[in-house]
C-alpha atoms as a PDB file:
ATOM      1  CA  MET A   1      12.095 -34.800 -27.792  1.00  0.00           C
ATOM      2  CA  ASP A   2      14.280 -35.586 -30.878  1.00  0.00           C
ATOM      3  CA  PHE A   3      17.141 -33.485 -32.011  1.00  0.00           C
ATOM      4  CA  THR A   4      19.495 -33.805 -34.903  1.00  0.00           C
ATOM      5  CA  LEU A   5      23.003 -32.564 -34.994  1.00  0.00           C
ATOM      6  CA  PHE A   6      25.114 -32.631 -38.122  1.00  0.00           C
ATOM      7  CA  LEU A   7      28.868 -32.723 -37.765  1.00  0.00           C
ATOM      8  CA  VAL A   8      31.722 -32.234 -40.236  1.00  0.00           C
ATOM      9  CA  SER A   9      34.890 -34.115 -39.206  1.00  0.00           C
ATOM     10  CA  ASN A  10      38.130 -35.265 -40.651  1.00  0.00           C
ATOM     11  CA  LEU A  11      37.933 -38.359 -38.517  1.00  0.00           C
ATOM     12  CA  ASP A  12      37.076 -41.676 -39.915  1.00  0.00           C
ATOM     13  CA  LYS A  13      33.835 -43.377 -38.854  1.00  0.00           C
ATOM     14  CA  GLU A  14      35.326 -45.444 -35.950  1.00  0.00           C
ATOM     15  CA  ALA A  15      37.430 -42.580 -34.569  1.00  0.00           C
ATOM     16  CA  LEU A  16      34.408 -40.238 -34.665  1.00  0.00           C
ATOM     17  CA  ILE A  17      32.171 -42.670 -32.810  1.00  0.00           C
ATOM     18  CA  ARG A  18      34.940 -43.372 -30.276  1.00  0.00           C
ATOM     19  CA  THR A  19      35.422 -39.577 -29.684  1.00  0.00           C
ATOM     20  CA  ILE A  20      31.741 -39.037 -29.230  1.00  0.00           C
ATOM     21  CA  TYR A  21      31.584 -41.998 -26.787  1.00  0.00           C
ATOM     22  CA  ASP A  22      34.470 -40.600 -24.776  1.00  0.00           C
ATOM     23  CA  ILE A  23      32.830 -37.222 -24.619  1.00  0.00           C
ATOM     24  CA  VAL A  24      29.442 -38.650 -23.480  1.00  0.00           C
ATOM     25  CA  CYS A  25      31.218 -40.845 -20.807  1.00  0.00           C
ATOM     26  CA  ASN A  26      33.005 -37.904 -19.377  1.00  0.00           C
ATOM     27  CA  THR A  27      29.937 -35.680 -19.476  1.00  0.00           C
ATOM     28  CA  VAL A  28      27.395 -38.000 -17.802  1.00  0.00           C
ATOM     29  CA  GLU A  29      29.795 -39.654 -15.421  1.00  0.00           C
ATOM     30  CA  ASP A  30      27.707 -42.687 -15.459  1.00  0.00           C
ATOM     31  CA  LYS A  31      27.474 -46.038 -17.311  1.00  0.00           C
ATOM     32  CA  VAL A  32      27.200 -45.521 -21.092  1.00  0.00           C
ATOM     33  CA  THR A  33      26.411 -48.566 -23.242  1.00  0.00           C
ATOM     34  CA  ASN A  34      27.919 -48.709 -26.691  1.00  0.00           C
ATOM     35  CA  TYR A  35      25.872 -50.756 -29.122  1.00  0.00           C
ATOM     36  CA  GLY A  36      28.773 -51.045 -31.589  1.00  0.00           C
ATOM     37  CA  ASP A  37      26.933 -52.855 -34.392  1.00  0.00           C
ATOM     38  CA  PHE A  38      24.271 -50.169 -34.479  1.00  0.00           C
ATOM     39  CA  SER A  39      26.419 -47.018 -33.784  1.00  0.00           C
ATOM     40  CA  CYS A  40      24.187 -46.202 -30.761  1.00  0.00           C
ATOM     41  CA  LEU A  41      25.137 -44.889 -27.307  1.00  0.00           C
ATOM     42  CA  SER A  42      22.709 -45.179 -24.447  1.00  0.00           C
ATOM     43  CA  CYS A  43      22.782 -43.950 -20.761  1.00  0.00           C
ATOM     44  CA  LYS A  44      20.030 -43.166 -18.242  1.00  0.00           C
ATOM     45  CA  TYR A  45      19.603 -39.619 -19.629  1.00  0.00           C
ATOM     46  CA  PHE A  46      19.383 -40.213 -23.381  1.00  0.00           C
ATOM     47  CA  THR A  47      20.080 -42.454 -26.331  1.00  0.00           C
ATOM     48  CA  LEU A  48      22.251 -41.224 -29.189  1.00  0.00           C
ATOM     49  CA  ASP A  49      22.074 -42.842 -32.599  1.00  0.00           C
ATOM     50  CA  ILE A  50      25.080 -41.989 -34.765  1.00  0.00           C
ATOM     51  CA  GLU A  51      24.442 -42.065 -38.462  1.00  0.00           C
ATOM     52  CA  THR A  52      27.589 -41.857 -40.528  1.00  0.00           C
ATOM     53  CA  GLU A  53      26.021 -41.355 -43.902  1.00  0.00           C
ATOM     54  CA  ASP A  54      27.609 -38.854 -46.375  1.00  0.00           C
ATOM     55  CA  ILE A  55      25.333 -35.946 -46.750  1.00  0.00           C
ATOM     56  CA  ILE A  56      25.137 -35.007 -50.398  1.00  0.00           C
ATOM     57  CA  SER A  57      23.618 -31.565 -50.135  1.00  0.00           C
ATOM     58  CA  ILE A  58      21.493 -29.243 -48.103  1.00  0.00           C
ATOM     59  CA  ASP A  59      18.544 -30.011 -50.410  1.00  0.00           C
ATOM     60  CA  PHE A  60      18.964 -33.588 -49.536  1.00  0.00           C
ATOM     61  CA  LEU A  61      18.628 -32.854 -45.822  1.00  0.00           C
ATOM     62  CA  ARG A  62      15.570 -30.687 -46.445  1.00  0.00           C
ATOM     63  CA  GLU A  63      13.827 -33.380 -48.343  1.00  0.00           C
ATOM     64  CA  GLU A  64      15.005 -36.502 -46.513  1.00  0.00           C
ATOM     65  CA  TYR A  65      14.401 -35.187 -42.947  1.00  0.00           C
ATOM     66  CA  MET A  66      11.728 -32.621 -43.788  1.00  0.00           C
ATOM     67  CA  MET A  67      13.881 -29.911 -42.062  1.00  0.00           C
ATOM     68  CA  GLU A  68      13.792 -26.166 -42.441  1.00  0.00           C
ATOM     69  CA  ILE A  69      17.464 -25.268 -42.812  1.00  0.00           C
ATOM     70  CA  ASN A  70      18.893 -21.764 -42.942  1.00  0.00           C
ATOM     71  CA  VAL A  71      22.316 -21.489 -44.632  1.00  0.00           C
END
């Protein structure tokens, strides 16, 4: 099952990835592998790809990801 979560943050890219990594580590209480070059975290429960693209608009999301979005 695939899920997408969009976040708005004042953190820079590295700080945001580190914060998410810390949250995942504390939550799963197991080994979490950080593939730093790919912005990807992986553990035995799931893999999390972190895309840090700037989202231009809601229309962009609808078209790019073929999503139904209610605003």
